[in-house]
Each structure stands twice: as structure tokens, then as C-alpha cells.
C-alpha atoms as a PDB file:
ATOM      1  CA  MET A   1      -0.003  -0.006  -0.007  1.00  0.00           C
ATOM      2  CA  ILE A   2       1.203   3.517  -0.873  1.00  0.00           C
ATOM      3  CA  ASP A   3      -0.301   6.733   0.493  1.00  0.00           C
ATOM      4  CA  ILE A   4       0.364   9.863  -1.566  1.00  0.00           C
ATOM      5  CA  ALA A   5      -0.184  13.465  -0.488  1.00  0.00           C
ATOM      6  CA  PHE A   6       0.418  16.516  -2.652  1.00  0.00           C
ATOM      7  CA  LEU A   7       1.906  19.257  -0.565  1.00  0.00           C
ATOM      8  CA  GLY A   8       2.212  21.743  -3.423  1.00  0.00           C
ATOM      9  CA  THR A   9       0.918  21.753  -6.989  1.00  0.00           C
ATOM     10  CA  GLY A  10       2.305  25.043  -8.267  1.00  0.00           C
ATOM     11  CA  ALA A  11       5.012  25.858 -10.771  1.00  0.00           C
ATOM     12  CA  MET A  12       7.509  28.724 -10.882  1.00  0.00           C
ATOM     13  CA  MET A  13       6.085  30.835  -8.044  1.00  0.00           C
ATOM     14  CA  PRO A  14       3.577  30.269  -5.214  1.00  0.00           C
ATOM     15  CA  THR A  15       0.152  31.820  -5.368  1.00  0.00           C
ATOM     16  CA  ALA A  16      -2.285  32.741  -2.611  1.00  0.00           C
ATOM     17  CA  LYS A  17      -3.934  29.339  -3.029  1.00  0.00           C
ATOM     18  CA  ARG A  18      -1.119  27.097  -4.241  1.00  0.00           C
ATOM     19  CA  TRP A  19       2.172  25.971  -2.713  1.00  0.00           C
ATOM     20  CA  LEU A  20       5.092  24.974  -4.951  1.00  0.00           C
ATOM     21  CA  SER A  21       5.868  21.546  -6.316  1.00  0.00           C
ATOM     22  CA  SER A  22       6.117  18.773  -3.722  1.00  0.00           C
ATOM     23  CA  ALA A  23       4.568  15.383  -3.055  1.00  0.00           C
ATOM     24  CA  LEU A  24       4.984  12.926  -0.163  1.00  0.00           C
ATOM     25  CA  MET A  25       4.717   9.134  -0.376  1.00  0.00           C
ATOM     26  CA  ARG A  26       4.139   7.012   2.711  1.00  0.00           C
ATOM     27  CA  ILE A  27       5.248   3.429   2.205  1.00  0.00           C
ATOM     28  CA  ASP A  28       5.089   1.188   5.257  1.00  0.00           C
ATOM     29  CA  SER A  29       7.189   2.942   7.937  1.00  0.00           C
ATOM     30  CA  GLN A  30       9.011   5.387   5.685  1.00  0.00           C
ATOM     31  CA  LEU A  31       8.243   8.673   3.969  1.00  0.00           C
ATOM     32  CA  ILE A  32       9.711   9.665   0.578  1.00  0.00           C
ATOM     33  CA  LEU A  33       9.563  13.313  -0.494  1.00  0.00           C
ATOM     34  CA  LEU A  34       9.341  14.142  -4.215  1.00  0.00           C
ATOM     35  CA  ASP A  35      10.746  17.623  -4.776  1.00  0.00           C
ATOM     36  CA  CYS A  36      10.668  20.321  -2.104  1.00  0.00           C
ATOM     37  CA  GLY A  37       9.402  23.691  -3.298  1.00  0.00           C
ATOM     38  CA  GLU A  38       9.429  26.804  -1.168  1.00  0.00           C
ATOM     39  CA  GLY A  39       7.371  26.424   2.011  1.00  0.00           C
ATOM     40  CA  THR A  40       6.973  22.622   1.774  1.00  0.00           C
ATOM     41  CA  GLN A  41       7.067  22.207   5.561  1.00  0.00           C
ATOM     42  CA  ILE A  42       3.919  24.310   6.037  1.00  0.00           C
ATOM     43  CA  PRO A  43       1.400  22.071   4.216  1.00  0.00           C
ATOM     44  CA  TRP A  44       3.296  19.072   5.547  1.00  0.00           C
ATOM     45  CA  ARG A  45       2.551  20.160   9.112  1.00  0.00           C
ATOM     46  CA  SER A  46      -1.127  20.500   8.207  1.00  0.00           C
ATOM     47  CA  LEU A  47      -1.093  16.948   6.825  1.00  0.00           C
ATOM     48  CA  GLY A  48      -0.204  15.480  10.208  1.00  0.00           C
ATOM     49  CA  TRP A  49       2.121  12.736   8.934  1.00  0.00           C
ATOM     50  CA  GLY A  50       5.083  13.933  10.999  1.00  0.00           C
ATOM     51  CA  PHE A  51       8.635  14.532   9.815  1.00  0.00           C
ATOM     52  CA  LYS A  52      10.755  12.006  11.643  1.00  0.00           C
ATOM     53  CA  ARG A  53      10.064   9.041   9.326  1.00  0.00           C
ATOM     54  CA  LEU A  54      11.375  10.835   6.233  1.00  0.00           C
ATOM     55  CA  SER A  55      13.995   8.529   4.750  1.00  0.00           C
ATOM     56  CA  LEU A  56      14.598   9.916   1.257  1.00  0.00           C
ATOM     57  CA  ILE A  57      14.236  13.109  -0.757  1.00  0.00           C
ATOM     58  CA  CYS A  58      14.125  12.760  -4.552  1.00  0.00           C
ATOM     59  CA  PHE A  59      14.821  15.876  -6.613  1.00  0.00           C
ATOM     60  CA  SER A  60      13.671  15.945 -10.228  1.00  0.00           C
ATOM     61  CA  HIS A  61      16.038  18.861 -10.913  1.00  0.00           C
ATOM     62  CA  TRP A  62      17.398  21.893  -9.144  1.00  0.00           C
ATOM     63  CA  HIS A  63      15.255  24.820 -10.239  1.00  0.00           C
ATOM     64  CA  ALA A  64      14.233  26.847  -7.191  1.00  0.00           C
ATOM     65  CA  ASP A  65      10.525  26.009  -7.320  1.00  0.00           C
ATOM     66  CA  HIS A  66      11.514  22.371  -6.720  1.00  0.00           C
ATOM     67  CA  ILE A  67      14.272  22.691  -4.086  1.00  0.00           C
ATOM     68  CA  ALA A  68      14.024  25.996  -2.200  1.00  0.00           C
ATOM     69  CA  GLY A  69      12.105  24.423   0.684  1.00  0.00           C
ATOM     70  CA  LEU A  70      14.992  22.117   1.641  1.00  0.00           C
ATOM     71  CA  PRO A  71      16.540  24.232   4.445  1.00  0.00           C
ATOM     72  CA  GLY A  72      13.169  24.435   6.195  1.00  0.00           C
ATOM     73  CA  ILE A  73      12.675  20.686   5.948  1.00  0.00           C
ATOM     74  CA  LEU A  74      16.162  20.051   7.346  1.00  0.00           C
ATOM     75  CA  HIS A  75      15.387  22.270  10.343  1.00  0.00           C
ATOM     76  CA  ALA A  76      11.974  20.610  10.795  1.00  0.00           C
ATOM     77  CA  LEU A  77      13.685  17.201  10.990  1.00  0.00           C
ATOM     78  CA  ALA A  78      16.116  18.530  13.569  1.00  0.00           C
ATOM     79  CA  VAL A  79      13.281  19.863  15.708  1.00  0.00           C
ATOM     80  CA  ALA A  80      11.640  16.424  15.431  1.00  0.00           C
ATOM     81  CA  ASP A  81      14.776  15.004  17.145  1.00  0.00           C
ATOM     82  CA  ARG A  82      15.930  13.059  14.150  1.00  0.00           C
ATOM     83  CA  THR A  83      19.341  11.407  14.493  1.00  0.00           C
ATOM     84  CA  GLU A  84      19.303   8.907  11.610  1.00  0.00           C
ATOM     85  CA  PRO A  85      21.003   9.904   8.356  1.00  0.00           C
ATOM     86  CA  LEU A  86      18.865  11.477   5.614  1.00  0.00           C
ATOM     87  CA  THR A  87      19.444  10.573   1.992  1.00  0.00           C
ATOM     88  CA  ILE A  88      18.918  12.960  -0.909  1.00  0.00           C
ATOM     89  CA  ILE A  89      19.164  11.897  -4.557  1.00  0.00           C
ATOM     90  CA  GLY A  90      18.785  13.746  -7.827  1.00  0.00           C
ATOM     91  CA  PRO A  91      20.428  14.427 -11.187  1.00  0.00           C
ATOM     92  CA  LYS A  92      23.936  15.673 -11.820  1.00  0.00           C
ATOM     93  CA  GLY A  93      24.532  18.828  -9.801  1.00  0.00           C
ATOM     94  CA  THR A  94      22.308  17.864  -6.877  1.00  0.00           C
ATOM     95  CA  ARG A  95      25.130  17.195  -4.458  1.00  0.00           C
ATOM     96  CA  ASN A  96      26.595  20.646  -5.090  1.00  0.00           C
ATOM     97  CA  ILE A  97      23.201  22.368  -4.787  1.00  0.00           C
ATOM     98  CA  VAL A  98      22.438  20.626  -1.494  1.00  0.00           C
ATOM     99  CA  THR A  99      25.857  21.588  -0.134  1.00  0.00           C
ATOM    100  CA  ASN A 100      25.135  25.231  -0.916  1.00  0.00           C
ATOM    101  CA  LEU A 101      21.619  25.134   0.546  1.00  0.00           C
ATOM    102  CA  ARG A 102      23.071  23.642   3.729  1.00  0.00           C
ATOM    103  CA  GLU A 103      24.776  26.967   4.344  1.00  0.00           C
ATOM    104  CA  LEU A 104      21.341  27.866   5.758  1.00  0.00           C
ATOM    105  CA  ALA A 105      21.273  24.714   7.911  1.00  0.00           C
ATOM    106  CA  PRO A 106      24.965  24.081   8.770  1.00  0.00           C
ATOM    107  CA  VAL A 107      24.526  22.292  12.076  1.00  0.00           C
ATOM    108  CA  LEU A 108      22.155  19.288  12.180  1.00  0.00           C
ATOM    109  CA  PRO A 109      21.873  16.386  14.628  1.00  0.00           C
ATOM    110  CA  TYR A 110      21.961  13.914  11.729  1.00  0.00           C
ATOM    111  CA  ASP A 111      24.063  13.289   8.611  1.00  0.00           C
ATOM    112  CA  VAL A 112      22.887  14.202   5.130  1.00  0.00           C
ATOM    113  CA  VAL A 113      23.950  11.742   2.441  1.00  0.00           C
ATOM    114  CA  CYS A 114      23.657  13.042  -1.092  1.00  0.00           C
ATOM    115  CA  ALA A 115      24.045  11.250  -4.438  1.00  0.00           C
ATOM    116  CA  ASP A 116      23.905  12.372  -8.060  1.00  0.00           C
ATOM    117  CA  LEU A 117      22.163   9.722 -10.192  1.00  0.00           C
ATOM    118  CA  ALA A 118      22.871   9.113 -13.858  1.00  0.00           C
ATOM    119  CA  ASP A 119      20.528   8.124 -16.641  1.00  0.00           C
ATOM    120  CA  GLY A 120      19.484   4.477 -16.271  1.00  0.00           C
ATOM    121  CA  GLN A 121      20.730   4.114 -12.697  1.00  0.00           C
ATOM    122  CA  HIS A 122      18.954   2.075  -9.994  1.00  0.00           C
ATOM    123  CA  TRP A 123      18.670   3.026  -6.318  1.00  0.00           C
ATOM    124  CA  GLN A 124      17.333   0.766  -3.568  1.00  0.00           C
ATOM    125  CA  GLN A 125      15.682   2.383  -0.574  1.00  0.00           C
ATOM    126  CA  GLY A 126      14.468  -0.272   1.806  1.00  0.00           C
ATOM    127  CA  ASN A 127      11.765  -2.239   0.010  1.00  0.00           C
ATOM    128  CA  VAL A 128      11.406   0.439  -2.686  1.00  0.00           C
ATOM    129  CA  GLY A 129      13.278   0.005  -5.950  1.00  0.00           C
ATOM    130  CA  ILE A 130      13.927   3.308  -7.754  1.00  0.00           C
ATOM    131  CA  ASP A 131      14.859   3.549 -11.441  1.00  0.00           C
ATOM    132  CA  VAL A 132      15.566   6.793 -13.267  1.00  0.00           C
ATOM    133  CA  CYS A 133      16.081   8.109 -16.748  1.00  0.00           C
ATOM    134  CA  ALA A 134      17.128  11.513 -18.030  1.00  0.00           C
ATOM    135  CA  GLY A 135      14.349  13.879 -19.095  1.00  0.00           C
ATOM    136  CA  ASN A 136      14.469  16.824 -21.462  1.00  0.00           C
ATOM    137  CA  HIS A 137      14.485  20.191 -19.744  1.00  0.00           C
ATOM    138  CA  GLN A 138      16.672  23.315 -19.574  1.00  0.00           C
ATOM    139  CA  VAL A 139      18.829  21.735 -16.867  1.00  0.00           C
ATOM    140  CA  PRO A 140      19.547  18.043 -16.013  1.00  0.00           C
ATOM    141  CA  VAL A 141      16.286  16.420 -14.889  1.00  0.00           C
ATOM    142  CA  LEU A 142      15.383  12.886 -13.824  1.00  0.00           C
ATOM    143  CA  VAL A 143      12.175  10.916 -14.400  1.00  0.00           C
ATOM    144  CA  TYR A 144      11.529   8.416 -11.578  1.00  0.00           C
ATOM    145  CA  ARG A 145       9.851   5.013 -11.311  1.00  0.00           C
ATOM    146  CA  PHE A 146       9.204   3.681  -7.785  1.00  0.00           C
ATOM    147  CA  SER A 147       8.486  -0.051  -7.525  1.00  0.00           C
ATOM    148  CA  ILE A 148       7.401  -1.988  -4.468  1.00  0.00           C
ATOM    149  CA  ALA A 149       7.605  -5.761  -4.718  1.00  0.00           C
ATOM    150  CA  ARG A 150       4.872  -7.779  -3.043  1.00  0.00           C
ATOM    151  CA  ARG A 151       5.851 -10.948  -1.267  1.00  0.00           C
ATOM    152  CA  PRO A 152       3.903 -14.124  -2.107  1.00  0.00           C
ATOM    153  CA  ALA A 153       0.962 -14.977   0.142  1.00  0.00           C
ATOM    154  CA  PHE A 154       1.721 -17.220   3.102  1.00  0.00           C
ATOM    155  CA  GLN A 155      -0.042 -20.578   2.660  1.00  0.00           C
ATOM    156  CA  VAL A 156      -1.756 -21.043   5.993  1.00  0.00           C
ATOM    157  CA  ASP A 157      -3.372 -24.324   4.996  1.00  0.00           C
ATOM    158  CA  ILE A 158       0.018 -25.871   4.189  1.00  0.00           C
ATOM    159  CA  ALA A 159       1.513 -24.597   7.456  1.00  0.00           C
ATOM    160  CA  GLU A 160      -1.351 -26.113   9.455  1.00  0.00           C
ATOM    161  CA  GLU A 161      -1.183 -29.350   7.523  1.00  0.00           C
ATOM    162  CA  ARG A 162       2.507 -29.684   8.259  1.00  0.00           C
ATOM    163  CA  GLY A 163       2.164 -28.737  11.943  1.00  0.00           C
ATOM    164  CA  VAL A 164       4.187 -25.523  11.842  1.00  0.00           C
ATOM    165  CA  PRO A 165       3.832 -23.673  15.149  1.00  0.00           C
ATOM    166  CA  ARG A 166       1.833 -20.429  14.822  1.00  0.00           C
ATOM    167  CA  GLU A 167       4.617 -18.409  16.400  1.00  0.00           C
ATOM    168  CA  ALA A 168       6.788 -19.238  13.374  1.00  0.00           C
ATOM    169  CA  TRP A 169       4.275 -18.128  10.772  1.00  0.00           C
ATOM    170  CA  SER A 170       5.121 -14.429  10.651  1.00  0.00           C
ATOM    171  CA  ARG A 171       8.852 -15.055  10.172  1.00  0.00           C
ATOM    172  CA  LEU A 172       8.204 -17.655   7.485  1.00  0.00           C
ATOM    173  CA  ALA A 173       5.828 -15.210   5.795  1.00  0.00           C
ATOM    174  CA  ASP A 174       8.718 -12.713   5.795  1.00  0.00           C
ATOM    175  CA  GLY A 175      10.856 -15.239   3.945  1.00  0.00           C
ATOM    176  CA  VAL A 176      12.932 -16.300   6.958  1.00  0.00           C
ATOM    177  CA  ASP A 177      13.663 -19.987   7.514  1.00  0.00           C
ATOM    178  CA  VAL A 178      12.737 -21.103  11.032  1.00  0.00           C
ATOM    179  CA  ASP A 179      13.884 -24.209  12.917  1.00  0.00           C
ATOM    180  CA  GLY A 180      14.318 -26.309   9.801  1.00  0.00           C
ATOM    181  CA  TRP A 181      11.166 -25.012   8.105  1.00  0.00           C
ATOM    182  CA  GLN A 182      12.010 -23.552   4.684  1.00  0.00           C
ATOM    183  CA  ALA A 183      10.105 -20.323   4.034  1.00  0.00           C
ATOM    184  CA  GLY A 184       9.825 -21.080   0.302  1.00  0.00           C
ATOM    185  CA  GLU A 185       7.762 -24.182   1.038  1.00  0.00           C
ATOM    186  CA  PHE A 186       4.910 -22.035   2.341  1.00  0.00           C
ATOM    187  CA  GLN A 187       4.862 -19.301  -0.286  1.00  0.00           C
ATOM    188  CA  GLY A 188       2.126 -18.970  -2.876  1.00  0.00           C
ATOM    189  CA  PRO A 189       2.589 -17.890  -6.493  1.00  0.00           C
ATOM    190  CA  PRO A 190       4.201 -14.521  -7.351  1.00  0.00           C
ATOM    191  CA  ARG A 191       1.975 -11.462  -6.899  1.00  0.00           C
ATOM    192  CA  ARG A 192       1.996  -8.122  -8.710  1.00  0.00           C
ATOM    193  CA  GLY A 193       3.597  -5.242  -6.846  1.00  0.00           C
ATOM    194  CA  LEU A 194       2.863  -1.519  -7.073  1.00  0.00           C
ATOM    195  CA  SER A 195       4.582   1.195  -9.092  1.00  0.00           C
ATOM    196  CA  VAL A 196       4.498   4.978  -9.230  1.00  0.00           C
ATOM    197  CA  GLY A 197       6.001   7.262 -11.877  1.00  0.00           C
ATOM    198  CA  PHE A 198       7.082  10.853 -11.261  1.00  0.00           C
ATOM    199  CA  MET A 199       7.690  13.060 -14.279  1.00  0.00           C
ATOM    200  CA  THR A 200       7.989  16.811 -14.091  1.00  0.00           C
ATOM    201  CA  ASP A 201       9.693  19.652 -15.967  1.00  0.00           C
ATOM    202  CA  THR A 202      10.383  17.625 -19.077  1.00  0.00           C
ATOM    203  CA  ARG A 203       9.192  17.074 -22.603  1.00  0.00           C
ATOM    204  CA  PRO A 204       8.041  13.532 -23.388  1.00  0.00           C
ATOM    205  CA  THR A 205      10.894  11.221 -24.299  1.00  0.00           C
ATOM    206  CA  GLN A 206      11.168   7.656 -25.509  1.00  0.00           C
ATOM    207  CA  ALA A 207      13.307   6.795 -22.477  1.00  0.00           C
ATOM    208  CA  ALA A 208      10.556   8.011 -20.129  1.00  0.00           C
ATOM    209  CA  LEU A 209       7.927   6.142 -22.122  1.00  0.00           C
ATOM    210  CA  THR A 210       9.908   2.931 -21.688  1.00  0.00           C
ATOM    211  CA  LEU A 211      10.665   3.501 -17.999  1.00  0.00           C
ATOM    212  CA  LEU A 212       7.062   4.294 -17.000  1.00  0.00           C
ATOM    213  CA  GLN A 213       5.299   1.557 -18.981  1.00  0.00           C
ATOM    214  CA  GLY A 214       2.336   0.201 -17.028  1.00  0.00           C
ATOM    215  CA  VAL A 215       2.806   2.076 -13.744  1.00  0.00           C
ATOM    216  CA  ASP A 216      -0.183   2.046 -11.421  1.00  0.00           C
ATOM    217  CA  LEU A 217      -0.003   5.800 -10.993  1.00  0.00           C
ATOM    218  CA  LEU A 218       1.793   8.432 -13.008  1.00  0.00           C
ATOM    219  CA  ILE A 219       2.339  11.812 -11.353  1.00  0.00           C
ATOM    220  CA  SER A 220       3.062  14.175 -14.202  1.00  0.00           C
ATOM    221  CA  GLU A 221       3.467  17.851 -14.663  1.00  0.00           C
ATOM    222  CA  GLY A 222       0.703  19.689 -16.463  1.00  0.00           C
ATOM    223  CA  THR A 223       2.145  23.187 -16.575  1.00  0.00           C
ATOM    224  CA  TYR A 224      -0.278  24.359 -19.263  1.00  0.00           C
ATOM    225  CA  GLY A 225      -3.924  23.372 -19.399  1.00  0.00           C
ATOM    226  CA  ASP A 226      -4.891  25.185 -22.595  1.00  0.00           C
ATOM    227  CA  ASP A 227      -4.055  23.410 -25.849  1.00  0.00           C
ATOM    228  CA  ALA A 228      -3.186  26.843 -27.268  1.00  0.00           C
ATOM    229  CA  ASP A 229      -0.133  26.903 -24.973  1.00  0.00           C
ATOM    230  CA  GLU A 230       1.530  23.959 -26.718  1.00  0.00           C
ATOM    231  CA  ALA A 231       4.114  26.241 -28.342  1.00  0.00           C
ATOM    232  CA  ASN A 232       4.978  27.624 -24.901  1.00  0.00           C
ATOM    233  CA  ALA A 233       5.261  24.107 -23.530  1.00  0.00           C
ATOM    234  CA  ILE A 234       7.672  23.147 -26.308  1.00  0.00           C
ATOM    235  CA  GLN A 235       9.758  26.307 -25.898  1.00  0.00           C
ATOM    236  CA  ASN A 236       9.959  26.027 -22.121  1.00  0.00           C
ATOM    237  CA  LYS A 237      10.275  22.252 -22.129  1.00  0.00           C
ATOM    238  CA  HIS A 238       7.118  21.524 -20.174  1.00  0.00           C
ATOM    239  CA  LEU A 239       3.842  19.679 -20.961  1.00  0.00           C
ATOM    240  CA  THR A 240       0.266  20.648 -21.665  1.00  0.00           C
ATOM    241  CA  PHE A 241      -2.515  18.650 -20.042  1.00  0.00           C
ATOM    242  CA  ARG A 242      -3.244  16.945 -23.376  1.00  0.00           C
ATOM    243  CA  GLU A 243       0.441  16.067 -23.972  1.00  0.00           C
ATOM    244  CA  ALA A 244       0.747  14.508 -20.505  1.00  0.00           C
ATOM    245  CA  ALA A 245      -2.479  12.527 -21.032  1.00  0.00           C
ATOM    246  CA  THR A 246      -1.379  11.319 -24.459  1.00  0.00           C
ATOM    247  CA  PHE A 247       1.897  10.175 -22.927  1.00  0.00           C
ATOM    248  CA  ALA A 248       0.013   8.331 -20.172  1.00  0.00           C
ATOM    249  CA  SER A 249      -2.125   6.567 -22.774  1.00  0.00           C
ATOM    250  CA  GLU A 250       0.934   5.498 -24.765  1.00  0.00           C
ATOM    251  CA  ALA A 251       2.658   4.293 -21.598  1.00  0.00           C
ATOM    252  CA  GLY A 252      -0.325   2.167 -20.605  1.00  0.00           C
ATOM    253  CA  VAL A 253      -0.508   3.564 -17.084  1.00  0.00           C
ATOM    254  CA  GLN A 254      -3.494   2.880 -14.839  1.00  0.00           C
ATOM    255  CA  ARG A 255      -4.037   6.431 -13.501  1.00  0.00           C
ATOM    256  CA  LEU A 256      -2.671   9.867 -14.243  1.00  0.00           C
ATOM    257  CA  VAL A 257      -2.511  12.708 -11.735  1.00  0.00           C
ATOM    258  CA  LEU A 258      -1.572  16.148 -13.076  1.00  0.00           C
ATOM    259  CA  THR A 259       0.297  18.709 -10.994  1.00  0.00           C
ATOM    260  CA  HIS A 260       2.834  21.594 -11.396  1.00  0.00           C
ATOM    261  CA  PHE A 261       0.279  24.152 -12.627  1.00  0.00           C
ATOM    262  CA  SER A 262       1.390  27.468 -14.106  1.00  0.00           C
ATOM    263  CA  PRO A 263       0.566  30.439 -11.865  1.00  0.00           C
ATOM    264  CA  LYS A 264      -1.372  32.006 -14.716  1.00  0.00           C
ATOM    265  CA  MET A 265      -3.744  29.000 -14.665  1.00  0.00           C
ATOM    266  CA  GLU A 266      -6.121  29.916 -11.853  1.00  0.00           C
ATOM    267  CA  THR A 267      -8.631  27.111 -12.479  1.00  0.00           C
ATOM    268  CA  PRO A 268      -6.905  23.933 -13.706  1.00  0.00           C
ATOM    269  CA  GLU A 269     -10.207  22.056 -13.554  1.00  0.00           C
ATOM    270  CA  GLN A 270     -11.401  24.161 -16.465  1.00  0.00           C
ATOM    271  CA  TYR A 271      -8.906  22.357 -18.698  1.00  0.00           C
ATOM    272  CA  LEU A 272      -9.243  18.846 -17.289  1.00  0.00           C
ATOM    273  CA  PRO A 273     -11.440  17.717 -20.242  1.00  0.00           C
ATOM    274  CA  ASN A 274      -8.444  18.376 -22.535  1.00  0.00           C
ATOM    275  CA  ALA A 275      -6.572  15.629 -20.712  1.00  0.00           C
ATOM    276  CA  GLN A 276      -9.505  13.270 -20.187  1.00  0.00           C
ATOM    277  CA  SER A 277     -10.323  13.258 -23.883  1.00  0.00           C
ATOM    278  CA  ALA A 278      -6.874  11.723 -24.446  1.00  0.00           C
ATOM    279  CA  PHE A 279      -6.745   9.601 -21.272  1.00  0.00           C
ATOM    280  CA  PRO A 280     -10.024   9.288 -19.308  1.00  0.00           C
ATOM    281  CA  ALA A 281      -8.365   8.131 -16.054  1.00  0.00           C
ATOM    282  CA  THR A 282      -6.850  11.583 -15.478  1.00  0.00           C
ATOM    283  CA  GLU A 283      -7.357  13.647 -12.372  1.00  0.00           C
ATOM    284  CA  LEU A 284      -5.898  16.780 -10.824  1.00  0.00           C
ATOM    285  CA  ALA A 285      -3.667  16.697  -7.764  1.00  0.00           C
ATOM    286  CA  ASP A 286      -5.580  17.913  -4.715  1.00  0.00           C
ATOM    287  CA  PRO A 287      -3.416  18.984  -1.769  1.00  0.00           C
ATOM    288  CA  GLY A 288      -6.326  18.458   0.598  1.00  0.00           C
ATOM    289  CA  GLN A 289      -6.980  14.841  -0.306  1.00  0.00           C
ATOM    290  CA  PRO A 290      -4.313  12.154   0.198  1.00  0.00           C
ATOM    291  CA  SER A 291      -4.895   9.090  -1.958  1.00  0.00           C
ATOM    292  CA  THR A 292      -4.047   5.435  -1.489  1.00  0.00           C
ATOM    293  CA  LEU A 293      -2.786   2.775  -3.905  1.00  0.00           C
ATOM    294  CA  ASN A 294      -3.629  -0.743  -2.755  1.00  0.00           C
ATOM    295  CA  PHE A 295      -2.195  -4.047  -3.879  1.00  0.00           C
ATOM    296  CA  LEU A 296      -4.513  -6.064  -6.090  1.00  0.00           C
ATOM    297  CA  ASP A 297      -5.985  -9.198  -4.540  1.00  0.00           C
ATOM    298  CA  SER A 298      -4.358 -11.480  -7.081  1.00  0.00           C
END
């Protein structure tokens, strides 16, 4: 299960009703932050998920509307008495940018580990596999795919039949052999996991199309809602609603959530039909409504 909350849905500059780009994923006991626009800690506090469980920050790129909230988050973690290291990943240049931003948060009670990822690289964060490819923007940008494997179902009937003590079931279900019992003997068939794509500040690319094939949820920028802004989207290397939806259709994703709205677009819902005509399972990110992705039964 993955819970997703959009902390900010704005692009370029905040508005009176819209914080800048940021989303938070809750996966089991950890939190993963996707971008960190100015003021990210404020809607995060309203969400009530706490700060201490944050394990990873993923930057798409290092334009200010995606990273300027980092010093505030670092201080919020310190106030939450965090002592475990925090990991930050992003495209080439991220390590240097984080070092400079840390001039505003030089003394912390925890270590900050930073890594620049290259096109095609894989990163493992606990039970979350992260794959990236390069996007097409004015600066280096990464497109992300987050994958959570699902362990096979524990076969209770077989365990009972073979007289396995109940106190051993949970460890066997976790894949751990116990007192001569082999965990693999009690596992059912493979089950489908969950996957989330994150694509912002980029034109559509073949590499992104390949990386994001079949994800359960694609979080994509929709900087421009009006089809008439396609020329602006091309020039500024962003996406219109229709372009993002067309990409989602070609990638065979299950759901598309649009975010990263231009400040000149006061009512994104006005343009939602432009996206839904290309990909009906499109919705707009709503900072007030966290959503949940559940594993399928099979």
C-alpha cells in the first residue's frame, strides 16, 4: 500500500492558493519526498504525517521552485529529534546544490547523504526500488519510477497441515527460515507489486515512455492546461494537459494525476477535459486529499 499526499501543486512561483511543487509518499514505515518547493514544511505540518520518518528526498532537478524548501525541511527534521542519516538523490549537480543550501542549515543532529544519479541508474531504498532516466528540460532532470515488490501470500493451509507452530508463521511469511522449516515451502505464487511514476519539468521522451510503462499511478506535470499553450510548452520544455495525457495513454498507465500548474492557470479544472479526452483516467492533484494505492488481490 502507498499513500500519496500533494503538498504543493504550483510551478515557478507560489500563489495565494497554491504551494510549490512537492509530493509525499508514505510506504510502510517510511516517507519519501518528491521535490521540495518553497514552504513545503507548512502544508506538511497540516497533513499530520510527521517529519521523523522521512528517509529519502528525490529531486527531479534543481530549479528553485523544486528545491528551495529544503533548508526548512532540514530544520523541521532537527526539531523532530531526528538522528538517523537522511538521503537525498537527484540528477547531476544535486550534491553541489544541497551543499550550498546547507549553508542555511549548517549544524544538524543527523548526517545528510547526497548522491547524483545518472541516466538508467537504480537506487534501492528499503523495500522500494527506484529507477531513473534523463528527461528533457533546460537543466539536467530525472524521471523516476518507484516499484514496491509484493511478497507471495503465506499458505496457512500448508503450514497447518505440516504442523508448523503459529509463532513461526510471521517469520516464514517474511521469507525467513525457522527451525528447519524452509520459508519457500509455504509461499504462494508470485503477486503483482505496485509502481508509481514521477515526471515533471520535461518534454516527453522515448526513455521516459519505456521507463514508465504500465505504472499504477503516473504523477506528471501539467504546466499548461490550454491546448493553445503547446508552443509555450515546447519552448519552455514543459507539458500541456493533453500532452501529458497522451503520454500516459501511450505508456499504458493505470491512473494519471496532473500537478505543477502554471501560476497564470487559476482554475486547472477548467482544462481537465483536454486531458481526459486523451486519457479518461486523469485527475488533478488535490493537496487536501491524500490518496491510497492498494495491492490487487491477485
